[in-house]
Amino acid sequence: MKTVVLFSRLYAQYKNRLAETVKSHISSVTEELDARLARFDIDKRGHIIIGFEGQDEEFAINFLTKEYGSSISLAHVKEGATIRGSLIDVGKVGYGFYVDIAAINNMKYVDALLPLYQVRDQFKLKKPLRTIAKSLILVDNLPVDVMITSVDSSEGKIEAIFAESTLNRFDEWLHDDHERLLVFGANSSMIDTALKNTGHSDDIYEIQELGKFEFALRCKRSTRASGIIAAIGPKLRGIPMHLFIPKEVEAKLNAKT
């Protein structure tokens, strides 16, 4: 049996429902292949573990890792590389942000640390970490790209900074006159259904896919994101949602305290 840990994670209220949609997708992908799904688990982090048996097991896994991403051995994490990840345990420590890049060493995850001084330098801020996080809506499960700055394999430590692509995304959102609603732990079908059932489909200008199960709903200029969250929140109870309102973000960033 060939097994792989996927990058994409299942979490929050509907993780079991999402797991069934992933299994269904796997079934459709492997229908004509000699590849039997012999293992499907969700680890403590929420990463999906899949295992196949059959002559086409390699093909099946390669196809699915392109779709959902895959874990990486710490030995393959190199300085200067840009890797996608997601913020975890935001605010639990004051010296930086941790990013789950699905790097594994000796069966354990090794997260990338974004030191506070580097984050301050990148965003030109001198505020405490928790203030920066609250101001910029840096929250758990937010997909980000990071550039690796150092790897200590013997100590099992990785340091990184936000990649240019992520910095550009923050800049774009900040200078956009559209408010956004971030919805994590759902798929596009669930979001579309919630918007349709509440009559708000026409209030969303665009649904941006940040990760496999993470989305940013870009509201129309005449629509307030707070109104959307009030409407669809009860339909997606238990799903993490966050408001990114440019004017409010800018005001927090410019505040003296």
C-alpha atoms as a PDB file:
ATOM      1  CA  MET A   1       0.000   0.000   0.000  1.00  0.00           C
ATOM      2  CA  LYS A   2       1.275   3.452  -0.914  1.00  0.00           C
ATOM      3  CA  THR A   3       0.334   6.134   1.611  1.00  0.00           C
ATOM      4  CA  VAL A   4       0.600   9.922   1.610  1.00  0.00           C
ATOM      5  CA  VAL A   5      -0.332  12.762   3.963  1.00  0.00           C
ATOM      6  CA  LEU A   6      -2.126  15.500   2.053  1.00  0.00           C
ATOM      7  CA  PHE A   7      -1.563  19.198   2.687  1.00  0.00           C
ATOM      8  CA  SER A   8      -5.256  20.089   2.800  1.00  0.00           C
ATOM      9  CA  ARG A   9      -6.881  19.868   6.227  1.00  0.00           C
ATOM     10  CA  LEU A  10     -10.372  19.057   7.435  1.00  0.00           C
ATOM     11  CA  TYR A  11     -11.533  20.859  10.559  1.00  0.00           C
ATOM     12  CA  ALA A  12     -14.428  22.674  12.223  1.00  0.00           C
ATOM     13  CA  GLN A  13     -18.071  21.626  12.390  1.00  0.00           C
ATOM     14  CA  TYR A  14     -18.390  19.996   8.981  1.00  0.00           C
ATOM     15  CA  LYS A  15     -15.109  18.109   8.701  1.00  0.00           C
ATOM     16  CA  ASN A  16     -16.863  14.735   8.476  1.00  0.00           C
ATOM     17  CA  ARG A  17     -19.157  16.009   5.738  1.00  0.00           C
ATOM     18  CA  LEU A  18     -16.164  17.383   3.865  1.00  0.00           C
ATOM     19  CA  ALA A  19     -14.403  14.051   4.312  1.00  0.00           C
ATOM     20  CA  GLU A  20     -17.289  12.354   2.517  1.00  0.00           C
ATOM     21  CA  THR A  21     -17.007  14.790  -0.408  1.00  0.00           C
ATOM     22  CA  VAL A  22     -13.275  14.078  -0.633  1.00  0.00           C
ATOM     23  CA  LYS A  23     -13.944  10.332  -0.617  1.00  0.00           C
ATOM     24  CA  SER A  24     -16.547  10.822  -3.335  1.00  0.00           C
ATOM     25  CA  HIS A  25     -14.049  12.780  -5.395  1.00  0.00           C
ATOM     26  CA  ILE A  26     -11.451  10.047  -4.931  1.00  0.00           C
ATOM     27  CA  SER A  27     -13.972   7.441  -6.094  1.00  0.00           C
ATOM     28  CA  SER A  28     -14.717   9.394  -9.264  1.00  0.00           C
ATOM     29  CA  VAL A  29     -11.009   9.890  -9.966  1.00  0.00           C
ATOM     30  CA  THR A  30     -10.124   6.228  -9.488  1.00  0.00           C
ATOM     31  CA  GLU A  31     -13.229   4.711 -11.076  1.00  0.00           C
ATOM     32  CA  GLU A  32     -11.369   3.590 -14.196  1.00  0.00           C
ATOM     33  CA  LEU A  33      -8.091   2.848 -12.413  1.00  0.00           C
ATOM     34  CA  ASP A  34      -6.642  -0.184 -10.720  1.00  0.00           C
ATOM     35  CA  ALA A  35      -6.349   1.695  -7.438  1.00  0.00           C
ATOM     36  CA  ARG A  36      -8.349   0.818  -4.347  1.00  0.00           C
ATOM     37  CA  LEU A  37      -8.658   3.291  -1.483  1.00  0.00           C
ATOM     38  CA  ALA A  38      -7.273   1.188   1.352  1.00  0.00           C
ATOM     39  CA  ARG A  39      -6.857   3.941   3.915  1.00  0.00           C
ATOM     40  CA  PHE A  40      -8.575   7.261   4.646  1.00  0.00           C
ATOM     41  CA  ASP A  41      -7.839   8.959   7.950  1.00  0.00           C
ATOM     42  CA  ILE A  42      -7.781  12.455   9.407  1.00  0.00           C
ATOM     43  CA  ASP A  43      -4.899  13.105  11.787  1.00  0.00           C
ATOM     44  CA  LYS A  44      -4.965  15.371  14.838  1.00  0.00           C
ATOM     45  CA  ARG A  45      -3.971  18.334  12.696  1.00  0.00           C
ATOM     46  CA  GLY A  46      -6.782  17.669  10.271  1.00  0.00           C
ATOM     47  CA  HIS A  47      -4.492  16.559   7.456  1.00  0.00           C
ATOM     48  CA  ILE A  48      -5.947  13.825   5.271  1.00  0.00           C
ATOM     49  CA  ILE A  49      -4.035  10.543   5.079  1.00  0.00           C
ATOM     50  CA  ILE A  50      -4.807   8.346   2.083  1.00  0.00           C
ATOM     51  CA  GLY A  51      -3.485   4.965   1.048  1.00  0.00           C
ATOM     52  CA  PHE A  52      -4.022   3.043  -2.190  1.00  0.00           C
ATOM     53  CA  GLU A  53      -3.482  -0.480  -3.366  1.00  0.00           C
ATOM     54  CA  GLY A  54      -3.293  -1.541  -7.003  1.00  0.00           C
ATOM     55  CA  GLN A  55      -1.195  -1.125 -10.115  1.00  0.00           C
ATOM     56  CA  ASP A  56      -2.328   2.495 -10.557  1.00  0.00           C
ATOM     57  CA  GLU A  57      -1.754   3.521  -6.924  1.00  0.00           C
ATOM     58  CA  GLU A  58       1.140   5.810  -7.891  1.00  0.00           C
ATOM     59  CA  PHE A  59      -0.928   7.573 -10.544  1.00  0.00           C
ATOM     60  CA  ALA A  60      -3.870   8.018  -8.159  1.00  0.00           C
ATOM     61  CA  ILE A  61      -1.722   9.520  -5.438  1.00  0.00           C
ATOM     62  CA  ASN A  62       0.100  11.846  -7.842  1.00  0.00           C
ATOM     63  CA  PHE A  63      -3.235  13.093  -9.181  1.00  0.00           C
ATOM     64  CA  LEU A  64      -4.660  13.741  -5.718  1.00  0.00           C
ATOM     65  CA  THR A  65      -1.545  15.459  -4.385  1.00  0.00           C
ATOM     66  CA  LYS A  66      -1.829  17.911  -7.269  1.00  0.00           C
ATOM     67  CA  GLU A  67      -5.412  18.561  -6.185  1.00  0.00           C
ATOM     68  CA  TYR A  68      -4.969  18.660  -2.397  1.00  0.00           C
ATOM     69  CA  GLY A  69      -1.218  19.173  -1.965  1.00  0.00           C
ATOM     70  CA  SER A  70       1.043  16.885   0.017  1.00  0.00           C
ATOM     71  CA  SER A  71       3.237  16.880   3.064  1.00  0.00           C
ATOM     72  CA  ILE A  72       6.981  17.361   2.716  1.00  0.00           C
ATOM     73  CA  SER A  73       9.910  15.814   4.528  1.00  0.00           C
ATOM     74  CA  LEU A  74      11.904  18.289   6.616  1.00  0.00           C
ATOM     75  CA  ALA A  75      14.957  17.153   4.650  1.00  0.00           C
ATOM     76  CA  HIS A  76      13.347  18.588   1.517  1.00  0.00           C
ATOM     77  CA  VAL A  77      12.592  22.009   3.028  1.00  0.00           C
ATOM     78  CA  LYS A  78      15.236  24.323   1.587  1.00  0.00           C
ATOM     79  CA  GLU A  79      16.222  27.909   2.332  1.00  0.00           C
ATOM     80  CA  GLY A  80      14.838  30.307  -0.261  1.00  0.00           C
ATOM     81  CA  ALA A  81      11.930  28.042  -1.175  1.00  0.00           C
ATOM     82  CA  THR A  82       8.405  29.421  -1.210  1.00  0.00           C
ATOM     83  CA  ILE A  83       5.926  27.036   0.398  1.00  0.00           C
ATOM     84  CA  ARG A  84       2.218  27.335   1.037  1.00  0.00           C
ATOM     85  CA  GLY A  85       0.881  26.866   4.524  1.00  0.00           C
ATOM     86  CA  SER A  86      -1.770  27.967   6.975  1.00  0.00           C
ATOM     87  CA  LEU A  87      -1.540  29.929  10.206  1.00  0.00           C
ATOM     88  CA  ILE A  88      -2.026  27.919  13.394  1.00  0.00           C
ATOM     89  CA  ASP A  89      -2.254  28.746  17.097  1.00  0.00           C
ATOM     90  CA  VAL A  90      -2.301  32.481  16.370  1.00  0.00           C
ATOM     91  CA  GLY A  91      -1.701  34.548  19.493  1.00  0.00           C
ATOM     92  CA  LYS A  92      -0.628  31.649  21.702  1.00  0.00           C
ATOM     93  CA  VAL A  93       2.935  32.971  21.762  1.00  0.00           C
ATOM     94  CA  GLY A  94       4.124  36.549  21.503  1.00  0.00           C
ATOM     95  CA  TYR A  95       7.372  36.038  19.620  1.00  0.00           C
ATOM     96  CA  GLY A  96       5.975  35.149  16.207  1.00  0.00           C
ATOM     97  CA  PHE A  97       3.458  33.307  14.067  1.00  0.00           C
ATOM     98  CA  TYR A  98       3.549  29.596  13.357  1.00  0.00           C
ATOM     99  CA  VAL A  99       2.625  28.264   9.942  1.00  0.00           C
ATOM    100  CA  ASP A 100       1.697  24.659   9.228  1.00  0.00           C
ATOM    101  CA  ILE A 101       3.505  23.831   5.985  1.00  0.00           C
ATOM    102  CA  ALA A 102       2.929  20.080   6.449  1.00  0.00           C
ATOM    103  CA  ALA A 103       6.650  19.466   6.970  1.00  0.00           C
ATOM    104  CA  ILE A 104       7.289  16.165   8.721  1.00  0.00           C
ATOM    105  CA  ASN A 105      10.335  14.934  10.611  1.00  0.00           C
ATOM    106  CA  ASN A 106      10.384  11.638  12.513  1.00  0.00           C
ATOM    107  CA  MET A 107       6.592  11.328  12.245  1.00  0.00           C
ATOM    108  CA  LYS A 108       6.074  14.793  13.763  1.00  0.00           C
ATOM    109  CA  TYR A 109       5.062  18.083  12.165  1.00  0.00           C
ATOM    110  CA  VAL A 110       7.625  20.875  12.104  1.00  0.00           C
ATOM    111  CA  ASP A 111       5.978  24.279  11.753  1.00  0.00           C
ATOM    112  CA  ALA A 112       7.628  27.323  10.248  1.00  0.00           C
ATOM    113  CA  LEU A 113       8.130  30.215  12.663  1.00  0.00           C
ATOM    114  CA  LEU A 114       7.662  33.745  11.376  1.00  0.00           C
ATOM    115  CA  PRO A 115       9.579  35.778  13.984  1.00  0.00           C
ATOM    116  CA  LEU A 116       7.834  38.895  15.230  1.00  0.00           C
ATOM    117  CA  TYR A 117      10.715  41.194  14.264  1.00  0.00           C
ATOM    118  CA  GLN A 118      10.494  39.931  10.672  1.00  0.00           C
ATOM    119  CA  VAL A 119       6.726  40.402  10.553  1.00  0.00           C
ATOM    120  CA  ARG A 120       7.094  43.922  11.933  1.00  0.00           C
ATOM    121  CA  ASP A 121       9.688  44.702   9.291  1.00  0.00           C
ATOM    122  CA  GLN A 122       7.576  43.313   6.455  1.00  0.00           C
ATOM    123  CA  PHE A 123       4.468  45.267   7.422  1.00  0.00           C
ATOM    124  CA  LYS A 124       6.363  48.344   8.683  1.00  0.00           C
ATOM    125  CA  LEU A 125       4.719  48.061  12.100  1.00  0.00           C
ATOM    126  CA  LYS A 126       6.059  48.239  15.640  1.00  0.00           C
ATOM    127  CA  LYS A 127       3.030  46.817  17.392  1.00  0.00           C
ATOM    128  CA  PRO A 128       2.729  43.693  19.592  1.00  0.00           C
ATOM    129  CA  LEU A 129       2.033  40.439  17.797  1.00  0.00           C
ATOM    130  CA  ARG A 130      -1.543  40.102  18.983  1.00  0.00           C
ATOM    131  CA  THR A 131      -2.307  43.660  17.865  1.00  0.00           C
ATOM    132  CA  ILE A 132      -0.844  42.949  14.430  1.00  0.00           C
ATOM    133  CA  ALA A 133      -2.851  39.746  14.194  1.00  0.00           C
ATOM    134  CA  LYS A 134      -6.097  41.465  15.164  1.00  0.00           C
ATOM    135  CA  SER A 135      -5.459  44.405  12.864  1.00  0.00           C
ATOM    136  CA  LEU A 136      -4.578  42.398   9.743  1.00  0.00           C
ATOM    137  CA  ILE A 137      -7.023  39.542  10.423  1.00  0.00           C
ATOM    138  CA  LEU A 138      -4.182  37.056  10.768  1.00  0.00           C
ATOM    139  CA  VAL A 139      -6.235  34.150  12.084  1.00  0.00           C
ATOM    140  CA  ASP A 140      -6.037  30.390  12.467  1.00  0.00           C
ATOM    141  CA  ASN A 141      -6.395  28.451   9.202  1.00  0.00           C
ATOM    142  CA  LEU A 142      -5.640  31.489   7.009  1.00  0.00           C
ATOM    143  CA  PRO A 143      -3.729  30.194   3.960  1.00  0.00           C
ATOM    144  CA  VAL A 144      -0.430  32.004   3.431  1.00  0.00           C
ATOM    145  CA  ASP A 145       2.697  31.533   1.338  1.00  0.00           C
ATOM    146  CA  VAL A 146       6.006  31.736   3.180  1.00  0.00           C
ATOM    147  CA  MET A 147       9.613  31.928   2.060  1.00  0.00           C
ATOM    148  CA  ILE A 148      11.979  29.742   4.071  1.00  0.00           C
ATOM    149  CA  THR A 149      14.877  31.695   5.596  1.00  0.00           C
ATOM    150  CA  SER A 150      16.539  29.001   7.713  1.00  0.00           C
ATOM    151  CA  VAL A 151      16.292  25.274   8.398  1.00  0.00           C
ATOM    152  CA  ASP A 152      17.877  23.491  11.341  1.00  0.00           C
ATOM    153  CA  SER A 153      17.318  19.800  10.663  1.00  0.00           C
ATOM    154  CA  SER A 154      19.113  18.649  13.802  1.00  0.00           C
ATOM    155  CA  GLU A 155      16.908  20.798  16.043  1.00  0.00           C
ATOM    156  CA  GLY A 156      13.815  20.392  13.904  1.00  0.00           C
ATOM    157  CA  LYS A 157      13.295  24.137  13.448  1.00  0.00           C
ATOM    158  CA  ILE A 158      12.239  26.245  10.474  1.00  0.00           C
ATOM    159  CA  GLU A 159      12.079  30.018  10.178  1.00  0.00           C
ATOM    160  CA  ALA A 160      10.395  31.937   7.394  1.00  0.00           C
ATOM    161  CA  ILE A 161       8.889  35.233   6.300  1.00  0.00           C
ATOM    162  CA  PHE A 162       5.685  36.012   4.440  1.00  0.00           C
ATOM    163  CA  ALA A 163       6.204  35.477   0.707  1.00  0.00           C
ATOM    164  CA  GLU A 164       5.709  38.332  -1.724  1.00  0.00           C
ATOM    165  CA  SER A 165       2.467  36.766  -2.982  1.00  0.00           C
ATOM    166  CA  THR A 166       0.923  36.933   0.488  1.00  0.00           C
ATOM    167  CA  LEU A 167       2.121  40.488   1.116  1.00  0.00           C
ATOM    168  CA  ASN A 168       0.613  41.498  -2.226  1.00  0.00           C
ATOM    169  CA  ARG A 169      -2.683  39.908  -1.246  1.00  0.00           C
ATOM    170  CA  PHE A 170      -2.850  41.916   1.971  1.00  0.00           C
ATOM    171  CA  ASP A 171      -1.988  45.086   0.054  1.00  0.00           C
ATOM    172  CA  GLU A 172      -4.633  44.347  -2.553  1.00  0.00           C
ATOM    173  CA  TRP A 173      -7.308  43.704   0.050  1.00  0.00           C
ATOM    174  CA  LEU A 174      -6.358  46.770   2.074  1.00  0.00           C
ATOM    175  CA  HIS A 175      -6.605  49.114  -0.914  1.00  0.00           C
ATOM    176  CA  ASP A 176      -9.754  47.540  -2.322  1.00  0.00           C
ATOM    177  CA  ASP A 177     -13.073  49.241  -1.648  1.00  0.00           C
ATOM    178  CA  HIS A 178     -14.818  45.868  -1.389  1.00  0.00           C
ATOM    179  CA  GLU A 179     -15.347  44.289   2.021  1.00  0.00           C
ATOM    180  CA  ARG A 180     -14.568  40.577   2.403  1.00  0.00           C
ATOM    181  CA  LEU A 181     -15.925  37.732   4.464  1.00  0.00           C
ATOM    182  CA  LEU A 182     -13.461  34.913   5.123  1.00  0.00           C
ATOM    183  CA  VAL A 183     -15.050  31.480   5.454  1.00  0.00           C
ATOM    184  CA  PHE A 184     -12.914  28.529   6.569  1.00  0.00           C
ATOM    185  CA  GLY A 185     -13.706  24.826   6.898  1.00  0.00           C
ATOM    186  CA  ALA A 186     -16.294  24.657   4.120  1.00  0.00           C
ATOM    187  CA  ASN A 187     -16.442  23.955   0.402  1.00  0.00           C
ATOM    188  CA  SER A 188     -17.781  26.145  -2.382  1.00  0.00           C
ATOM    189  CA  SER A 189     -21.005  24.154  -2.649  1.00  0.00           C
ATOM    190  CA  MET A 190     -21.841  24.725   1.009  1.00  0.00           C
ATOM    191  CA  ILE A 191     -21.179  28.453   0.678  1.00  0.00           C
ATOM    192  CA  ASP A 192     -23.192  28.739  -2.561  1.00  0.00           C
ATOM    193  CA  THR A 193     -26.137  26.962  -0.924  1.00  0.00           C
ATOM    194  CA  ALA A 194     -26.030  29.218   2.146  1.00  0.00           C
ATOM    195  CA  LEU A 195     -25.944  32.344  -0.037  1.00  0.00           C
ATOM    196  CA  LYS A 196     -28.774  31.086  -2.224  1.00  0.00           C
ATOM    197  CA  ASN A 197     -30.972  30.068   0.693  1.00  0.00           C
ATOM    198  CA  THR A 198     -30.578  33.475   2.345  1.00  0.00           C
ATOM    199  CA  GLY A 199     -31.052  35.429  -0.882  1.00  0.00           C
ATOM    200  CA  HIS A 200     -27.548  36.901  -0.875  1.00  0.00           C
ATOM    201  CA  SER A 201     -26.007  35.321  -3.972  1.00  0.00           C
ATOM    202  CA  ASP A 202     -26.248  38.610  -5.855  1.00  0.00           C
ATOM    203  CA  ASP A 203     -24.492  40.486  -3.050  1.00  0.00           C
ATOM    204  CA  ILE A 204     -21.209  38.659  -3.631  1.00  0.00           C
ATOM    205  CA  TYR A 205     -19.016  39.989  -6.418  1.00  0.00           C
ATOM    206  CA  GLU A 206     -16.545  37.122  -6.325  1.00  0.00           C
ATOM    207  CA  ILE A 207     -15.674  34.021  -4.295  1.00  0.00           C
ATOM    208  CA  GLN A 208     -11.900  33.694  -4.056  1.00  0.00           C
ATOM    209  CA  GLU A 209     -10.437  30.272  -3.272  1.00  0.00           C
ATOM    210  CA  LEU A 210      -7.598  30.791  -0.788  1.00  0.00           C
ATOM    211  CA  GLY A 211      -7.226  27.075  -0.040  1.00  0.00           C
ATOM    212  CA  LYS A 212      -9.134  23.885  -0.742  1.00  0.00           C
ATOM    213  CA  PHE A 213     -11.569  24.643   2.084  1.00  0.00           C
ATOM    214  CA  GLU A 214     -10.839  28.341   2.681  1.00  0.00           C
ATOM    215  CA  PHE A 215     -12.563  31.162   0.825  1.00  0.00           C
ATOM    216  CA  ALA A 216     -12.804  34.939   0.709  1.00  0.00           C
ATOM    217  CA  LEU A 217     -16.202  36.292  -0.286  1.00  0.00           C
ATOM    218  CA  ARG A 218     -15.679  39.641  -1.976  1.00  0.00           C
ATOM    219  CA  CYS A 219     -18.814  41.677  -1.427  1.00  0.00           C
ATOM    220  CA  LYS A 220     -20.289  44.146  -3.879  1.00  0.00           C
ATOM    221  CA  ARG A 221     -19.523  47.787  -3.079  1.00  0.00           C
ATOM    222  CA  SER A 222     -23.054  48.340  -1.780  1.00  0.00           C
ATOM    223  CA  THR A 223     -22.901  45.267   0.481  1.00  0.00           C
ATOM    224  CA  ARG A 224     -21.555  45.079   4.019  1.00  0.00           C
ATOM    225  CA  ALA A 225     -19.738  41.904   4.955  1.00  0.00           C
ATOM    226  CA  SER A 226     -21.250  42.063   8.457  1.00  0.00           C
ATOM    227  CA  GLY A 227     -24.694  41.689   6.908  1.00  0.00           C
ATOM    228  CA  ILE A 228     -23.607  38.603   4.993  1.00  0.00           C
ATOM    229  CA  ILE A 229     -22.119  36.935   8.067  1.00  0.00           C
ATOM    230  CA  ALA A 230     -25.316  37.657  10.015  1.00  0.00           C
ATOM    231  CA  ALA A 231     -27.343  36.003   7.265  1.00  0.00           C
ATOM    232  CA  ILE A 232     -25.303  32.908   6.407  1.00  0.00           C
ATOM    233  CA  GLY A 233     -23.779  32.368   9.864  1.00  0.00           C
ATOM    234  CA  PRO A 234     -26.783  30.374  11.137  1.00  0.00           C
ATOM    235  CA  LYS A 235     -26.688  28.267   7.946  1.00  0.00           C
ATOM    236  CA  LEU A 236     -23.022  27.414   8.500  1.00  0.00           C
ATOM    237  CA  ARG A 237     -23.008  27.234  12.273  1.00  0.00           C
ATOM    238  CA  GLY A 238     -19.634  26.275  13.695  1.00  0.00           C
ATOM    239  CA  ILE A 239     -17.724  27.433  10.595  1.00  0.00           C
ATOM    240  CA  PRO A 240     -14.960  29.995  11.353  1.00  0.00           C
ATOM    241  CA  MET A 241     -15.768  33.330   9.682  1.00  0.00           C
ATOM    242  CA  HIS A 242     -13.871  36.624   9.803  1.00  0.00           C
ATOM    243  CA  LEU A 243     -14.506  40.109   8.451  1.00  0.00           C
ATOM    244  CA  PHE A 244     -11.881  41.947   6.420  1.00  0.00           C
ATOM    245  CA  ILE A 245     -13.096  45.527   6.143  1.00  0.00           C
ATOM    246  CA  PRO A 246     -10.384  47.747   4.597  1.00  0.00           C
ATOM    247  CA  LYS A 247     -11.371  50.946   6.431  1.00  0.00           C
ATOM    248  CA  GLU A 248     -11.378  49.187   9.802  1.00  0.00           C
ATOM    249  CA  VAL A 249      -8.086  47.417   9.104  1.00  0.00           C
ATOM    250  CA  GLU A 250      -6.438  50.664   8.101  1.00  0.00           C
ATOM    251  CA  ALA A 251      -7.764  52.435  11.203  1.00  0.00           C
ATOM    252  CA  LYS A 252      -6.349  49.702  13.465  1.00  0.00           C
ATOM    253  CA  LEU A 253      -2.976  49.791  11.702  1.00  0.00           C
ATOM    254  CA  ASN A 254      -2.765  53.567  12.102  1.00  0.00           C
ATOM    255  CA  ALA A 255      -3.894  53.597  15.731  1.00  0.00           C
ATOM    256  CA  LYS A 256      -1.208  54.743  18.160  1.00  0.00           C
ATOM    257  CA  THR A 257      -1.886  51.909  20.602  1.00  0.00           C
END
